[in-house]
Amino acid sequence: MLRHIVMVKFNDFNPLEEIKQELKEKLDRLIGEVDSLMKMDVGLNISTRNSAFDLVLTADFDSEEGLNAYRNHPKHVEILERLKQVAQKTAVVDYVV
């Protein structure tokens, strides 16, 4: 099994809370739309530290092929395009569980 973790730090937009919630809702909807996606948790940060990221995603897949199918799924690509508009930086880790 593969675990895919993504952390996103958003630009200082106004209204930041609406953008965070919008993206969380879009990501949560992928659970029923991407067949290879076994499990996903999406959380919004509550820390006030400057170094903290705003959103974290943890997703599980049976295989690397499943992860690649997720990466190329049209609904996921649509979310990536939105993230490019609002993200300051991201961090990604993929590992075998």
N, C-alpha and C. Protein backbone atom coordinates (compact mmCIF):
# COMPACT_ATOMS: atom_id res chain seq x y z
N MET A 1 0.85 -1.18 0.00
CA MET A 1 0.00 0.00 0.00
C MET A 1 0.90 1.24 0.00
N LEU A 2 0.44 2.28 -0.68
CA LEU A 2 1.15 3.56 -0.72
C LEU A 2 0.36 4.61 0.04
N ARG A 3 1.08 5.44 0.75
CA ARG A 3 0.47 6.59 1.42
C ARG A 3 1.02 7.86 0.75
N HIS A 4 0.11 8.76 0.42
CA HIS A 4 0.41 10.02 -0.26
C HIS A 4 0.02 11.15 0.70
N ILE A 5 1.00 11.96 1.08
CA ILE A 5 0.74 13.07 2.00
C ILE A 5 1.11 14.38 1.30
N VAL A 6 0.21 15.34 1.37
CA VAL A 6 0.44 16.65 0.78
C VAL A 6 0.12 17.71 1.83
N MET A 7 1.00 18.68 1.96
CA MET A 7 0.75 19.83 2.83
C MET A 7 0.79 21.09 1.96
N VAL A 8 -0.16 21.99 2.21
CA VAL A 8 -0.29 23.19 1.40
C VAL A 8 -0.28 24.42 2.30
N LYS A 9 0.52 25.38 1.93
CA LYS A 9 0.52 26.71 2.57
C LYS A 9 -0.06 27.67 1.55
N PHE A 10 -1.14 28.34 1.90
CA PHE A 10 -1.79 29.25 0.98
C PHE A 10 -1.20 30.65 1.06
N ASN A 11 -1.34 31.38 -0.03
CA ASN A 11 -0.99 32.80 -0.03
C ASN A 11 -1.91 33.52 0.95
N ASP A 12 -1.53 34.72 1.33
CA ASP A 12 -2.34 35.50 2.26
C ASP A 12 -3.50 36.18 1.54
N PHE A 13 -4.47 35.35 1.16
CA PHE A 13 -5.63 35.86 0.47
C PHE A 13 -6.71 36.27 1.46
N ASN A 14 -7.56 37.15 1.02
CA ASN A 14 -8.74 37.47 1.78
C ASN A 14 -9.93 37.09 0.92
N PRO A 15 -10.75 36.20 1.25
CA PRO A 15 -10.94 35.48 2.51
C PRO A 15 -10.26 34.11 2.50
N LEU A 16 -9.20 33.98 3.25
CA LEU A 16 -8.42 32.74 3.31
C LEU A 16 -9.25 31.56 3.81
N GLU A 17 -10.07 31.78 4.81
CA GLU A 17 -10.87 30.68 5.36
C GLU A 17 -11.80 30.08 4.32
N GLU A 18 -12.37 30.91 3.46
CA GLU A 18 -13.25 30.40 2.40
C GLU A 18 -12.48 29.56 1.39
N ILE A 19 -11.28 29.98 1.05
CA ILE A 19 -10.45 29.23 0.10
C ILE A 19 -10.07 27.88 0.69
N LYS A 20 -9.67 27.87 1.96
CA LYS A 20 -9.32 26.61 2.62
C LYS A 20 -10.51 25.66 2.63
N GLN A 21 -11.67 26.16 2.97
CA GLN A 21 -12.87 25.32 3.03
C GLN A 21 -13.27 24.83 1.64
N GLU A 22 -13.17 25.69 0.64
CA GLU A 22 -13.49 25.30 -0.75
C GLU A 22 -12.63 24.11 -1.18
N LEU A 23 -11.33 24.21 -0.95
CA LEU A 23 -10.43 23.14 -1.38
C LEU A 23 -10.62 21.87 -0.57
N LYS A 24 -10.88 22.00 0.71
CA LYS A 24 -11.15 20.82 1.53
C LYS A 24 -12.38 20.08 0.99
N GLU A 25 -13.43 20.81 0.68
CA GLU A 25 -14.66 20.19 0.17
C GLU A 25 -14.42 19.50 -1.17
N LYS A 26 -13.67 20.15 -2.05
CA LYS A 26 -13.37 19.54 -3.35
C LYS A 26 -12.55 18.26 -3.19
N LEU A 27 -11.57 18.30 -2.30
CA LEU A 27 -10.75 17.11 -2.06
C LEU A 27 -11.57 15.99 -1.43
N ASP A 28 -12.41 16.33 -0.48
CA ASP A 28 -13.26 15.31 0.16
C ASP A 28 -14.15 14.60 -0.85
N ARG A 29 -14.62 15.31 -1.87
CA ARG A 29 -15.49 14.71 -2.89
C ARG A 29 -14.76 13.69 -3.76
N LEU A 30 -13.44 13.75 -3.81
CA LEU A 30 -12.68 12.79 -4.61
C LEU A 30 -12.83 11.36 -4.10
N ILE A 31 -13.18 11.19 -2.85
CA ILE A 31 -13.29 9.86 -2.26
C ILE A 31 -14.25 8.99 -3.06
N GLY A 32 -15.37 9.52 -3.50
CA GLY A 32 -16.33 8.74 -4.27
C GLY A 32 -16.13 8.81 -5.77
N GLU A 33 -15.18 9.62 -6.23
CA GLU A 33 -15.01 9.84 -7.66
C GLU A 33 -13.78 9.16 -8.26
N VAL A 34 -12.79 8.85 -7.46
CA VAL A 34 -11.55 8.24 -7.96
C VAL A 34 -11.50 6.80 -7.44
N ASP A 35 -11.65 5.84 -8.36
CA ASP A 35 -11.76 4.43 -7.98
C ASP A 35 -10.54 3.92 -7.22
N SER A 36 -9.35 4.38 -7.57
CA SER A 36 -8.14 3.85 -6.94
C SER A 36 -7.88 4.43 -5.55
N LEU A 37 -8.63 5.43 -5.16
CA LEU A 37 -8.46 6.09 -3.87
C LEU A 37 -9.15 5.27 -2.78
N MET A 38 -8.34 4.61 -1.95
CA MET A 38 -8.89 3.74 -0.91
C MET A 38 -9.42 4.52 0.28
N LYS A 39 -8.65 5.51 0.71
CA LYS A 39 -8.99 6.30 1.90
C LYS A 39 -8.33 7.65 1.78
N MET A 40 -9.02 8.69 2.27
CA MET A 40 -8.42 10.02 2.28
C MET A 40 -8.91 10.79 3.49
N ASP A 41 -7.98 11.49 4.12
CA ASP A 41 -8.31 12.43 5.20
C ASP A 41 -7.76 13.79 4.78
N VAL A 42 -8.59 14.81 4.94
CA VAL A 42 -8.18 16.18 4.63
C VAL A 42 -8.43 17.01 5.89
N GLY A 43 -7.40 17.69 6.35
CA GLY A 43 -7.55 18.49 7.56
C GLY A 43 -7.08 19.92 7.35
N LEU A 44 -7.71 20.83 8.09
CA LEU A 44 -7.33 22.24 8.06
C LEU A 44 -6.58 22.56 9.35
N ASN A 45 -5.49 23.27 9.22
CA ASN A 45 -4.61 23.60 10.33
C ASN A 45 -5.30 24.50 11.35
N ILE A 46 -4.99 24.25 12.63
CA ILE A 46 -5.47 25.13 13.70
C ILE A 46 -4.32 25.85 14.39
N SER A 47 -3.08 25.52 14.01
CA SER A 47 -1.91 26.14 14.63
C SER A 47 -1.74 27.57 14.13
N THR A 48 -1.23 28.43 15.01
CA THR A 48 -0.96 29.83 14.63
C THR A 48 0.53 30.07 14.34
N ARG A 49 1.32 29.01 14.32
CA ARG A 49 2.75 29.16 14.02
C ARG A 49 2.96 29.61 12.58
N ASN A 50 3.93 30.46 12.36
CA ASN A 50 4.25 30.94 11.01
C ASN A 50 4.70 29.81 10.10
N SER A 51 5.35 28.80 10.67
CA SER A 51 5.87 27.69 9.87
C SER A 51 4.80 26.66 9.51
N ALA A 52 3.61 26.79 10.06
CA ALA A 52 2.55 25.80 9.84
C ALA A 52 1.98 25.89 8.42
N PHE A 53 1.64 24.73 7.88
CA PHE A 53 0.92 24.66 6.62
C PHE A 53 -0.57 24.80 6.92
N ASP A 54 -1.35 25.15 5.90
CA ASP A 54 -2.78 25.41 6.11
C ASP A 54 -3.67 24.19 5.93
N LEU A 55 -3.26 23.27 5.08
CA LEU A 55 -4.08 22.10 4.76
C LEU A 55 -3.18 20.89 4.62
N VAL A 56 -3.65 19.75 5.09
CA VAL A 56 -2.92 18.50 4.92
C VAL A 56 -3.87 17.45 4.38
N LEU A 57 -3.35 16.63 3.47
CA LEU A 57 -4.11 15.55 2.86
C LEU A 57 -3.30 14.27 3.04
N THR A 58 -3.96 13.21 3.47
CA THR A 58 -3.36 11.89 3.56
C THR A 58 -4.24 10.94 2.78
N ALA A 59 -3.69 10.26 1.78
CA ALA A 59 -4.47 9.37 0.92
C ALA A 59 -3.74 8.04 0.78
N ASP A 60 -4.53 6.96 0.73
CA ASP A 60 -3.97 5.62 0.59
C ASP A 60 -4.40 4.99 -0.72
N PHE A 61 -3.43 4.25 -1.32
CA PHE A 61 -3.65 3.57 -2.61
C PHE A 61 -3.06 2.18 -2.53
N ASP A 62 -3.62 1.24 -3.30
CA ASP A 62 -3.10 -0.13 -3.35
C ASP A 62 -1.73 -0.21 -4.00
N SER A 63 -1.47 0.70 -4.94
CA SER A 63 -0.25 0.58 -5.74
C SER A 63 0.15 1.93 -6.31
N GLU A 64 1.33 1.96 -6.89
CA GLU A 64 1.79 3.18 -7.56
C GLU A 64 0.91 3.49 -8.77
N GLU A 65 0.42 2.46 -9.43
CA GLU A 65 -0.49 2.67 -10.56
C GLU A 65 -1.77 3.37 -10.10
N GLY A 66 -2.26 2.98 -8.92
CA GLY A 66 -3.45 3.63 -8.36
C GLY A 66 -3.20 5.08 -8.03
N LEU A 67 -2.02 5.37 -7.48
CA LEU A 67 -1.64 6.76 -7.19
C LEU A 67 -1.55 7.56 -8.49
N ASN A 68 -0.96 6.98 -9.51
CA ASN A 68 -0.85 7.67 -10.81
C ASN A 68 -2.22 7.90 -11.43
N ALA A 69 -3.13 6.95 -11.28
CA ALA A 69 -4.50 7.14 -11.79
C ALA A 69 -5.16 8.32 -11.08
N TYR A 70 -4.94 8.45 -9.80
CA TYR A 70 -5.46 9.57 -9.01
C TYR A 70 -4.86 10.89 -9.50
N ARG A 71 -3.54 10.89 -9.67
CA ARG A 71 -2.86 12.12 -10.11
C ARG A 71 -3.39 12.62 -11.45
N ASN A 72 -3.77 11.70 -12.33
CA ASN A 72 -4.22 12.07 -13.67
C ASN A 72 -5.73 12.16 -13.81
N HIS A 73 -6.46 11.88 -12.76
CA HIS A 73 -7.92 11.94 -12.82
C HIS A 73 -8.36 13.39 -13.07
N PRO A 74 -9.31 13.61 -13.99
CA PRO A 74 -9.72 14.98 -14.33
C PRO A 74 -10.17 15.82 -13.14
N LYS A 75 -10.85 15.24 -12.17
CA LYS A 75 -11.29 16.00 -10.99
C LYS A 75 -10.10 16.41 -10.13
N HIS A 76 -9.09 15.55 -10.03
CA HIS A 76 -7.89 15.90 -9.28
C HIS A 76 -7.09 16.98 -10.01
N VAL A 77 -6.97 16.84 -11.31
CA VAL A 77 -6.25 17.84 -12.11
C VAL A 77 -6.92 19.21 -11.97
N GLU A 78 -8.24 19.23 -11.92
CA GLU A 78 -8.99 20.48 -11.73
C GLU A 78 -8.62 21.13 -10.38
N ILE A 79 -8.51 20.32 -9.35
CA ILE A 79 -8.12 20.84 -8.03
C ILE A 79 -6.69 21.36 -8.06
N LEU A 80 -5.79 20.64 -8.75
CA LEU A 80 -4.41 21.11 -8.87
C LEU A 80 -4.33 22.48 -9.53
N GLU A 81 -5.15 22.69 -10.55
CA GLU A 81 -5.16 24.00 -11.23
C GLU A 81 -5.60 25.10 -10.27
N ARG A 82 -6.58 24.80 -9.42
CA ARG A 82 -7.03 25.78 -8.43
C ARG A 82 -5.92 26.03 -7.40
N LEU A 83 -5.25 24.97 -6.98
CA LEU A 83 -4.16 25.13 -6.02
C LEU A 83 -3.04 26.01 -6.56
N LYS A 84 -2.75 25.89 -7.84
CA LYS A 84 -1.71 26.72 -8.44
C LYS A 84 -2.03 28.21 -8.31
N GLN A 85 -3.31 28.54 -8.26
CA GLN A 85 -3.74 29.93 -8.14
C GLN A 85 -3.58 30.48 -6.72
N VAL A 86 -3.65 29.60 -5.71
CA VAL A 86 -3.74 30.08 -4.33
C VAL A 86 -2.64 29.58 -3.40
N ALA A 87 -1.83 28.62 -3.84
CA ALA A 87 -0.81 28.04 -2.95
C ALA A 87 0.50 28.81 -3.00
N GLN A 88 1.05 29.04 -1.84
CA GLN A 88 2.38 29.65 -1.72
C GLN A 88 3.45 28.57 -1.85
N LYS A 89 3.22 27.43 -1.18
CA LYS A 89 4.15 26.31 -1.29
C LYS A 89 3.43 25.02 -0.89
N THR A 90 3.99 23.92 -1.37
CA THR A 90 3.46 22.60 -1.03
C THR A 90 4.62 21.68 -0.67
N ALA A 91 4.30 20.64 0.06
CA ALA A 91 5.26 19.59 0.37
C ALA A 91 4.54 18.26 0.16
N VAL A 92 5.23 17.30 -0.45
CA VAL A 92 4.63 16.00 -0.78
C VAL A 92 5.56 14.89 -0.33
N VAL A 93 4.97 13.84 0.23
CA VAL A 93 5.70 12.63 0.58
C VAL A 93 4.85 11.45 0.14
N ASP A 94 5.44 10.51 -0.59
CA ASP A 94 4.80 9.25 -0.96
C ASP A 94 5.67 8.13 -0.41
N TYR A 95 5.07 7.19 0.33
CA TYR A 95 5.85 6.11 0.88
C TYR A 95 5.05 4.83 0.97
N VAL A 96 5.78 3.71 1.06
CA VAL A 96 5.16 2.39 1.18
C VAL A 96 4.83 2.15 2.64
N VAL A 97 3.59 1.72 2.88
CA VAL A 97 3.13 1.44 4.24
C VAL A 97 3.31 -0.05 4.51
